[in-house]
């Protein structure tokens, strides 16, 4: 009877995850909260722990990032990146993805890639390089940056006291493992991507669009030059203010002894980034009312609501069935701990959120006794949502590549993001594991 109830609860949880993912936006959150209600009032489970600390970190970080966007700082950074990429067009497959990755490392969200992807695509096209190569990898690399960013919601969740922070894992450890692992993974994927598909001039879809007049090189050049200009002269000061906040977070992460006794890293991120938003608004000469109007703030609030519902539902389900779940998984994990990475990958496909995946499944890994350093090495596995080409950054990338080389195939899952996605994930986990052997 207990097994039947567990399977019924699991079916409801999975069904609500799928429905929420299809609805999009805050759908994951509200359907996840419905799941909490059903599990508690329908099955009598005790409510799990709501991810309040993670939510507060998200709120603090997106406030600072939104302040940067409102002050023109994000556009200023895009302009700098555009100039750099235009000066190195032959290596766009390497530098483009590294730029989107770096933007995400700094800002903590992959949505910063929206500004860079059209630039990467047009530079590649102008130099007769197949845009699919840098664009697909740049999209995946932006998401990979989440797992190495000191201010991302997923990293904050990972090092919270409820998860690896309670096992002695600090921010510095995560960065030491994930940042070099990500860089190496991107470089390996870029080398492979340089050999993907036909050259642009030989691609039949590109040839068709040129003949149809869909592609206009003169207009493309004009758009690229506009991306390199920034009308707000104070934008660069906002960038420096934002980077100062990130640097302070990294400093306290690498040197926990600098934090006052009893002050956790999660609380530090919340205080530093929310305070940094004030500095950004002041030096960027923008009005605080402009901060919540940008797409970064909107996307962040969607993530906050999604994590609130979906992570609480996952926590409630796991807490109410911990003994049975641990018993079922312990043998598998004991024999091959890295299989836990497969579970992370599969769940991230359903949740469309690295932070939600972390808060939902990492408690299981900890309860099963997996080495905390190994759990850090498996962190990149939470980036599996590239598997289905319906995440906003992927949809945007498909539209930005006007040559049609970045595409979704007949069977949907045979799309341009699969190869760079799997390569970066597998290589990052492998390199991360190798690094943990020396820590």
Protein backbone atom coordinates (compact mmCIF):
# COMPACT_ATOMS: atom_id res chain seq x y z
CA UNK A 1 0.00 0.00 0.00
CA UNK A 2 2.84 2.37 0.88
CA UNK A 3 4.47 1.74 -2.51
CA UNK A 4 1.22 2.47 -4.33
CA UNK A 5 0.82 5.76 -2.46
CA UNK A 6 4.42 6.75 -3.25
CA UNK A 7 3.94 6.04 -6.95
CA UNK A 8 0.68 7.96 -6.97
CA UNK A 9 2.33 10.95 -5.29
CA UNK A 10 5.26 10.76 -7.74
CA UNK A 11 2.84 10.66 -10.70
CA UNK A 12 1.12 13.80 -9.43
CA UNK A 13 4.45 15.58 -8.90
CA UNK A 14 5.72 14.71 -12.40
CA UNK A 15 2.39 15.64 -13.99
CA UNK A 16 2.35 19.05 -12.32
CA UNK A 17 5.98 19.66 -13.35
CA UNK A 18 5.11 18.94 -16.99
CA UNK A 19 1.99 21.09 -16.89
CA UNK A 20 3.88 23.95 -15.24
CA UNK A 21 6.71 23.69 -17.78
CA UNK A 22 4.26 23.79 -20.68
CA UNK A 23 2.44 26.80 -19.25
CA UNK A 24 5.76 28.63 -18.88
CA UNK A 25 6.46 31.81 -16.93
CA UNK A 26 5.39 31.38 -13.33
CA UNK A 27 3.61 28.16 -14.27
CA UNK A 28 6.17 25.94 -12.57
CA UNK A 29 5.71 27.87 -9.35
CA UNK A 30 1.94 27.95 -9.17
CA UNK A 31 1.49 24.34 -10.25
CA UNK A 32 4.27 23.34 -7.86
CA UNK A 33 2.39 25.06 -5.05
CA UNK A 34 -0.74 23.17 -6.06
CA UNK A 35 1.36 20.03 -5.68
CA UNK A 36 2.35 21.06 -2.16
CA UNK A 37 -1.32 21.53 -1.28
CA UNK A 38 -2.29 18.12 -2.70
CA UNK A 39 0.58 16.30 -0.96
CA UNK A 40 -0.14 17.93 2.40
CA UNK A 41 -3.96 18.00 2.46
CA UNK A 42 -4.60 15.07 0.14
CA UNK A 43 -1.94 12.60 1.28
CA UNK A 44 -1.21 13.90 4.76
CA UNK A 45 2.49 14.59 4.21
CA UNK A 46 4.29 17.11 6.41
CA UNK A 47 5.24 20.23 4.43
CA UNK A 48 8.90 20.26 3.44
CA UNK A 49 11.15 23.25 3.91
CA UNK A 50 10.38 26.16 1.59
CA UNK A 51 13.54 27.54 -0.14
CA UNK A 52 13.23 30.97 1.47
CA UNK A 53 16.97 31.68 1.65
CA UNK A 54 17.46 30.84 -2.02
CA UNK A 55 14.52 33.05 -2.95
CA UNK A 56 15.95 35.99 -1.02
CA UNK A 57 19.30 35.57 -2.79
CA UNK A 58 17.56 35.57 -6.17
CA UNK A 59 15.68 38.72 -5.23
CA UNK A 60 18.86 40.49 -4.14
CA UNK A 61 20.89 39.49 -7.20
CA UNK A 62 18.21 40.30 -9.78
CA UNK A 63 17.70 43.68 -8.13
CA UNK A 64 21.37 44.50 -8.64
CA UNK A 65 21.38 43.08 -12.18
CA UNK A 66 18.19 44.96 -13.06
CA UNK A 67 19.74 48.17 -11.71
CA UNK A 68 22.71 47.55 -14.00
CA UNK A 69 20.37 47.11 -16.97
CA UNK A 70 18.34 50.21 -16.09
CA UNK A 71 21.50 52.33 -15.94
CA UNK A 72 22.66 51.17 -19.37
CA UNK A 73 25.51 49.16 -17.91
CA UNK A 74 24.48 45.97 -19.65
CA UNK A 75 24.37 47.75 -23.02
CA UNK A 76 27.80 49.20 -22.28
CA UNK A 77 29.19 45.70 -21.69
CA UNK A 78 27.54 44.45 -24.87
CA UNK A 79 29.20 47.27 -26.79
CA UNK A 80 32.62 46.31 -25.44
CA UNK A 81 32.01 42.67 -26.32
CA UNK A 82 30.84 43.62 -29.82
CA UNK A 83 34.03 45.59 -30.47
CA UNK A 84 36.16 42.70 -29.23
CA UNK A 85 34.34 40.13 -31.33
CA UNK A 86 34.48 42.29 -34.45
CA UNK A 87 38.24 42.55 -34.04
CA UNK A 88 38.57 38.75 -33.83
CA UNK A 89 36.03 37.41 -36.34
CA UNK A 90 38.05 34.34 -37.33
CA UNK A 91 37.83 32.99 -33.78
CA UNK A 92 34.15 33.78 -33.21
CA UNK A 93 33.37 30.12 -32.41
CA UNK A 94 35.74 30.37 -29.44
CA UNK A 95 35.33 33.96 -28.31
CA UNK A 96 31.55 34.26 -28.81
CA UNK A 97 30.67 31.43 -26.39
CA UNK A 98 33.32 32.60 -23.92
CA UNK A 99 31.73 36.07 -23.95
CA UNK A 100 28.20 34.79 -23.22
CA UNK A 101 29.66 32.53 -20.51
CA UNK A 102 31.53 35.46 -18.95
CA UNK A 103 28.42 37.67 -19.03
CA UNK A 104 26.53 34.97 -17.14
CA UNK A 105 29.38 34.48 -14.67
CA UNK A 106 29.24 38.18 -13.82
CA UNK A 107 25.47 38.73 -13.86
CA UNK A 108 24.29 35.33 -12.64
CA UNK A 109 21.70 34.82 -15.38
CA UNK A 110 21.85 33.31 -18.87
CA UNK A 111 19.34 35.88 -20.09
CA UNK A 112 22.21 38.34 -20.61
CA UNK A 113 22.99 36.36 -23.77
CA UNK A 114 20.01 37.90 -25.61
CA UNK A 115 22.08 40.99 -26.38
CA UNK A 116 25.13 39.08 -27.59
CA UNK A 117 23.61 36.29 -29.67
CA UNK A 118 22.53 38.49 -32.63
CA UNK A 119 25.97 40.11 -32.66
CA UNK A 120 27.69 36.73 -32.68
CA UNK A 121 25.43 35.51 -35.47
CA UNK A 122 25.92 38.56 -37.67
CA UNK A 123 29.72 38.65 -37.21
CA UNK A 124 29.91 34.98 -38.16
CA UNK A 125 27.69 35.53 -41.18
CA UNK A 126 29.67 38.59 -42.32
CA UNK A 127 32.84 36.51 -42.29
CA UNK A 128 31.25 33.53 -44.07
CA UNK A 129 31.42 31.37 -40.92
CA UNK A 130 28.47 29.06 -40.34
CA UNK A 131 26.55 30.91 -37.54
CA UNK A 132 25.23 27.64 -36.11
CA UNK A 133 28.70 26.88 -34.76
CA UNK A 134 29.19 29.87 -32.44
CA UNK A 135 25.49 30.62 -31.84
CA UNK A 136 24.51 27.15 -30.59
CA UNK A 137 27.57 26.89 -28.35
CA UNK A 138 27.18 30.47 -27.12
CA UNK A 139 23.60 29.68 -26.05
CA UNK A 140 24.69 26.59 -24.14
CA UNK A 141 27.73 28.38 -22.68
CA UNK A 142 25.53 31.10 -21.23
CA UNK A 143 23.66 28.45 -19.23
CA UNK A 144 26.91 26.75 -18.24
CA UNK A 145 28.00 30.04 -16.69
CA UNK A 146 25.26 29.60 -14.07
CA UNK A 147 27.29 26.83 -12.43
CA UNK A 148 30.38 29.01 -12.06
CA UNK A 149 28.76 32.31 -11.17
CA UNK A 150 29.23 33.57 -7.60
CA UNK A 151 25.90 35.40 -7.81
CA UNK A 152 23.65 32.86 -9.56
CA UNK A 153 20.62 31.41 -7.78
CA UNK A 154 21.82 27.85 -8.43
CA UNK A 155 25.24 28.47 -6.86
CA UNK A 156 23.64 30.23 -3.92
CA UNK A 157 21.32 27.28 -3.40
CA UNK A 158 24.21 24.82 -3.62
CA UNK A 159 26.27 26.53 -0.90
CA UNK A 160 23.34 27.26 1.40
CA UNK A 161 23.45 25.78 4.90
CA UNK A 162 20.63 23.40 3.98
CA UNK A 163 22.75 21.82 1.24
CA UNK A 164 26.53 21.73 0.71
CA UNK A 165 27.19 24.74 2.92
CA UNK A 166 26.21 22.51 5.81
CA UNK A 167 28.84 20.01 4.65
CA UNK A 168 31.68 22.52 4.72
CA UNK A 169 31.59 23.48 1.02
CA UNK A 170 32.23 27.20 0.51
CA UNK A 171 31.77 29.39 -2.56
CA UNK A 172 35.50 29.34 -3.22
CA UNK A 173 35.46 25.57 -3.67
CA UNK A 174 32.62 25.74 -6.20
CA UNK A 175 34.41 28.43 -8.23
CA UNK A 176 37.76 26.63 -8.16
CA UNK A 177 36.11 23.50 -9.55
CA UNK A 178 33.47 24.85 -11.93
CA UNK A 179 35.14 27.86 -13.58
CA UNK A 180 38.18 26.04 -15.07
CA UNK A 181 35.98 23.02 -15.85
CA UNK A 182 33.59 25.28 -17.80
CA UNK A 183 36.36 27.04 -19.73
CA UNK A 184 37.94 23.76 -20.81
CA UNK A 185 34.52 22.35 -21.73
CA UNK A 186 33.72 25.38 -23.91
CA UNK A 187 37.09 25.22 -25.69
CA UNK A 188 36.68 21.51 -26.41
CA UNK A 189 33.15 22.06 -27.70
CA UNK A 190 34.30 25.01 -29.85
CA UNK A 191 36.97 22.85 -31.48
CA UNK A 192 34.33 20.26 -32.32
CA UNK A 193 31.77 22.85 -33.46
CA UNK A 194 34.26 24.27 -35.97
CA UNK A 195 33.80 21.03 -37.93
CA UNK A 196 29.98 20.91 -37.76
CA UNK A 197 27.90 21.27 -40.91
CA UNK A 198 28.69 22.67 -44.33
CA UNK A 199 30.53 25.94 -44.77
CA UNK A 200 28.10 28.84 -44.90
CA UNK A 201 28.49 29.60 -48.61
CA UNK A 202 27.70 25.95 -49.41
CA UNK A 203 24.65 25.68 -47.18
CA UNK A 204 21.49 25.33 -49.31
CA UNK A 205 19.22 27.14 -46.84
CA UNK A 206 21.60 30.10 -46.68
CA UNK A 207 21.79 30.22 -50.48
CA UNK A 208 17.99 30.19 -50.70
CA UNK A 209 17.67 33.10 -48.26
CA UNK A 210 20.29 35.17 -50.10
CA UNK A 211 18.45 34.69 -53.39
CA UNK A 212 15.16 35.59 -51.71
CA UNK A 213 16.67 38.83 -50.40
CA UNK A 214 16.03 37.91 -46.77
CA UNK A 215 19.62 38.72 -45.79
CA UNK A 216 20.82 42.32 -46.20
CA UNK A 217 24.55 42.77 -45.36
CA UNK A 218 24.35 46.61 -45.38
CA UNK A 219 21.59 46.69 -42.77
CA UNK A 220 23.42 44.08 -40.69
CA UNK A 221 26.53 46.26 -40.52
CA UNK A 222 24.46 49.24 -39.38
CA UNK A 223 22.90 47.19 -36.55
CA UNK A 224 26.28 45.98 -35.38
CA UNK A 225 27.65 49.51 -35.18
CA UNK A 226 24.62 50.64 -33.17
CA UNK A 227 25.29 47.87 -30.65
CA UNK A 228 28.70 49.38 -29.97
CA UNK A 229 27.34 52.76 -28.90
CA UNK A 230 26.04 53.70 -25.44
CA UNK A 231 24.17 56.99 -25.01
CA UNK A 232 24.44 57.03 -21.18
CA UNK A 233 27.91 58.36 -20.20
CA UNK A 234 27.41 57.08 -16.65
CA UNK A 235 26.85 53.47 -17.73
CA UNK A 236 30.49 52.50 -17.26
CA UNK A 237 30.38 53.66 -13.64
CA UNK A 238 27.36 51.43 -13.06
CA UNK A 239 29.35 48.51 -14.48
CA UNK A 240 32.23 49.17 -12.09
CA UNK A 241 29.79 49.40 -9.18
CA UNK A 242 28.22 46.08 -10.13
CA UNK A 243 31.61 44.40 -10.52
CA UNK A 244 32.58 45.75 -7.11
CA UNK A 245 29.61 43.94 -5.58
CA UNK A 246 30.53 40.70 -7.35
CA UNK A 247 34.15 41.07 -6.19
CA UNK A 248 33.04 41.53 -2.58
CA UNK A 249 30.89 38.39 -2.81
CA UNK A 250 33.84 36.41 -4.21
CA UNK A 251 36.15 37.79 -1.52
CA UNK A 252 33.88 36.66 1.31
CA UNK A 253 33.37 33.35 -0.47
CA UNK A 254 37.07 32.57 -0.74
CA UNK A 255 37.87 33.87 2.74
CA UNK A 256 34.99 32.90 5.04
CA UNK A 257 37.00 34.10 8.06
CA UNK A 258 36.28 37.68 6.95
CA UNK A 259 32.59 37.18 7.63
CA UNK A 260 31.26 38.00 11.11
CA UNK A 261 30.57 34.99 13.27
CA UNK A 262 27.15 33.55 12.58
CA UNK A 263 26.83 35.25 9.19
CA UNK A 264 26.34 32.68 6.42
CA UNK A 265 27.43 33.09 2.81
CA UNK A 266 23.80 33.22 1.71
CA UNK A 267 23.11 36.15 4.02
CA UNK A 268 26.29 37.85 2.80
CA UNK A 269 25.20 37.62 -0.84
CA UNK A 270 21.79 39.04 0.07
CA UNK A 271 23.25 42.01 1.96
CA UNK A 272 26.04 42.80 -0.52
CA UNK A 273 24.01 42.61 -3.74
CA UNK A 274 20.98 44.49 -2.43
CA UNK A 275 23.27 47.23 -1.10
CA UNK A 276 25.16 47.22 -4.39
CA UNK A 277 21.91 48.01 -6.22
CA UNK A 278 21.84 51.34 -4.37
CA UNK A 279 25.37 52.18 -5.51
CA UNK A 280 24.59 51.20 -9.11
CA UNK A 281 21.52 53.46 -9.21
CA UNK A 282 23.47 56.38 -7.75
CA UNK A 283 26.57 56.25 -9.96
CA UNK A 284 24.55 55.23 -13.03
CA UNK A 285 22.34 58.31 -12.63
CA UNK A 286 19.15 56.35 -13.16
CA UNK A 287 15.83 56.45 -11.32
CA UNK A 288 14.98 53.57 -9.01
CA UNK A 289 11.56 53.32 -10.67
CA UNK A 290 13.29 52.12 -13.86
CA UNK A 291 14.88 49.10 -12.16
CA UNK A 292 11.90 46.69 -12.23
CA UNK A 293 10.93 47.56 -15.83
CA UNK A 294 13.62 45.55 -17.64
CA UNK A 295 13.46 41.93 -18.80
CA UNK A 296 16.11 40.83 -16.29
CA UNK A 297 13.90 41.74 -13.33
CA UNK A 298 10.89 40.08 -14.96
CA UNK A 299 12.82 36.88 -15.70
CA UNK A 300 14.21 36.86 -12.17
CA UNK A 301 10.78 37.16 -10.57
CA UNK A 302 9.56 34.29 -12.76
CA UNK A 303 12.48 32.20 -11.50
CA UNK A 304 11.74 33.19 -7.90
CA UNK A 305 8.10 32.10 -8.12
CA UNK A 306 9.03 28.91 -9.96
CA UNK A 307 11.56 27.89 -7.33
CA UNK A 308 9.16 28.72 -4.50
CA UNK A 309 6.54 26.27 -5.73
CA UNK A 310 8.56 23.56 -7.46
CA UNK A 311 11.29 23.25 -4.82
CA UNK A 312 8.77 23.20 -1.98
CA UNK A 313 6.81 20.48 -3.76
CA UNK A 314 10.00 18.45 -4.28
CA UNK A 315 11.04 18.94 -0.68
CA UNK A 316 7.61 17.88 0.60
CA UNK A 317 7.57 14.76 -1.58
CA UNK A 318 11.10 13.75 -0.60
CA UNK A 319 10.69 14.47 3.12
CA UNK A 320 7.48 12.45 3.27
CA UNK A 321 9.05 9.48 1.47
CA UNK A 322 12.72 9.85 2.41
CA UNK A 323 13.19 6.32 3.74
CA UNK A 324 11.71 4.61 0.69
CA UNK A 325 13.52 6.89 -1.81
CA UNK A 326 16.90 6.53 -0.10
CA UNK A 327 16.49 2.77 0.03
CA UNK A 328 15.66 2.57 -3.68
CA UNK A 329 18.57 4.78 -4.76
CA UNK A 330 21.28 3.86 -2.27
CA UNK A 331 22.38 0.72 -4.10
CA UNK A 332 22.68 2.50 -7.43
CA UNK A 333 24.55 5.48 -6.00
CA UNK A 334 26.88 3.30 -3.92
CA UNK A 335 27.84 1.29 -7.00
CA UNK A 336 28.21 4.27 -9.35
CA UNK A 337 27.90 7.70 -7.64
CA UNK A 338 28.24 9.53 -10.95
CA UNK A 339 24.82 8.16 -11.96
CA UNK A 340 23.45 10.86 -9.70
CA UNK A 341 24.54 13.30 -12.41
CA UNK A 342 22.18 11.54 -14.81
CA UNK A 343 19.32 12.10 -12.35
CA UNK A 344 20.25 15.80 -12.11
CA UNK A 345 20.35 16.09 -15.89
CA UNK A 346 16.95 14.43 -16.39
CA UNK A 347 15.26 16.50 -13.69
CA UNK A 348 16.68 19.75 -15.11
CA UNK A 349 15.06 18.92 -18.45
CA UNK A 350 11.68 18.91 -16.71
CA UNK A 351 12.23 21.85 -14.38
CA UNK A 352 13.91 24.30 -16.81
CA UNK A 353 15.80 25.73 -13.83
CA UNK A 354 19.23 24.96 -12.42
CA UNK A 355 18.37 26.39 -9.01
CA UNK A 356 15.11 24.43 -8.81
CA UNK A 357 16.98 21.25 -9.77
CA UNK A 358 19.57 21.89 -7.07
CA UNK A 359 17.05 22.57 -4.33
CA UNK A 360 14.89 19.61 -5.36
CA UNK A 361 17.45 16.82 -5.85
CA UNK A 362 20.65 17.73 -4.01
CA UNK A 363 19.10 16.95 -0.60
CA UNK A 364 18.70 13.38 -1.88
CA UNK A 365 22.38 13.20 -2.86
CA UNK A 366 23.42 14.49 0.54
CA UNK A 367 21.13 12.04 2.33
CA UNK A 368 22.60 9.19 0.29
CA UNK A 369 26.06 10.11 1.55
CA UNK A 370 27.63 11.12 -1.78
CA UNK A 371 30.96 12.88 -1.31
CA UNK A 372 30.24 16.67 -1.22
CA UNK A 373 33.17 17.37 -3.56
CA UNK A 374 31.76 14.88 -6.05
CA UNK A 375 28.43 16.69 -5.82
CA UNK A 376 30.26 19.92 -6.70
CA UNK A 377 31.86 18.23 -9.72
CA UNK A 378 28.40 17.09 -10.88
CA UNK A 379 26.99 20.62 -10.65
CA UNK A 380 27.13 21.22 -14.47
CA UNK A 381 24.65 18.35 -14.90
CA UNK A 382 21.83 20.71 -13.88
CA UNK A 383 22.12 22.40 -17.31
CA UNK A 384 20.15 19.70 -19.12
CA UNK A 385 17.30 21.91 -20.28
CA UNK A 386 19.05 22.41 -23.63
CA UNK A 387 17.76 18.91 -24.51
CA UNK A 388 14.40 20.28 -25.62
CA UNK A 389 14.68 23.37 -27.86
CA UNK A 390 12.00 25.39 -26.09
CA UNK A 391 13.97 27.33 -23.49
CA UNK A 392 13.80 31.11 -24.14
CA UNK A 393 17.52 31.50 -24.93
CA UNK A 394 17.32 28.67 -27.48
CA UNK A 395 14.19 30.07 -29.08
CA UNK A 396 15.89 33.47 -29.30
CA UNK A 397 19.04 31.96 -30.81
CA UNK A 398 17.00 30.22 -33.51
CA UNK A 399 15.49 33.56 -34.45
CA UNK A 400 18.74 35.53 -34.33
CA UNK A 401 20.47 33.25 -36.84
CA UNK A 402 18.79 34.52 -39.98
CA UNK A 403 20.82 32.19 -42.19
CA UNK A 404 18.80 29.22 -40.92
CA UNK A 405 21.87 27.14 -40.03
CA UNK A 406 20.88 27.05 -36.34
CA UNK A 407 17.86 24.80 -36.59
CA UNK A 408 15.47 22.26 -35.10
CA UNK A 409 15.29 19.00 -37.00
CA UNK A 410 12.35 16.89 -38.10
CA UNK A 411 12.30 14.91 -34.85
CA UNK A 412 12.54 18.01 -32.62
CA UNK A 413 15.32 16.64 -30.40
CA UNK A 414 17.77 16.56 -33.33
CA UNK A 415 18.60 20.25 -33.07
CA UNK A 416 21.71 22.43 -33.11
CA UNK A 417 22.10 22.67 -29.33
CA UNK A 418 22.39 18.94 -28.60
CA UNK A 419 26.03 18.42 -29.55
CA UNK A 420 27.49 21.47 -27.74
CA UNK A 421 25.16 20.79 -24.81
CA UNK A 422 26.27 17.22 -24.24
CA UNK A 423 29.94 17.97 -24.92
CA UNK A 424 30.11 20.87 -22.46
CA UNK A 425 28.18 18.96 -19.78
CA UNK A 426 30.22 15.77 -19.99
CA UNK A 427 33.59 17.51 -20.27
CA UNK A 428 32.79 19.96 -17.45
CA UNK A 429 31.80 17.12 -15.10
CA UNK A 430 34.90 15.11 -16.04
CA UNK A 431 37.29 18.02 -15.58
CA UNK A 432 35.50 19.07 -12.39
CA UNK A 433 35.91 15.56 -10.99
CA UNK A 434 39.63 15.60 -11.85
CA UNK A 435 40.04 18.93 -10.03
CA UNK A 436 38.32 17.61 -6.89
CA UNK A 437 40.95 14.88 -6.64
CA UNK A 438 43.52 17.57 -5.79
CA UNK A 439 41.41 19.49 -3.27
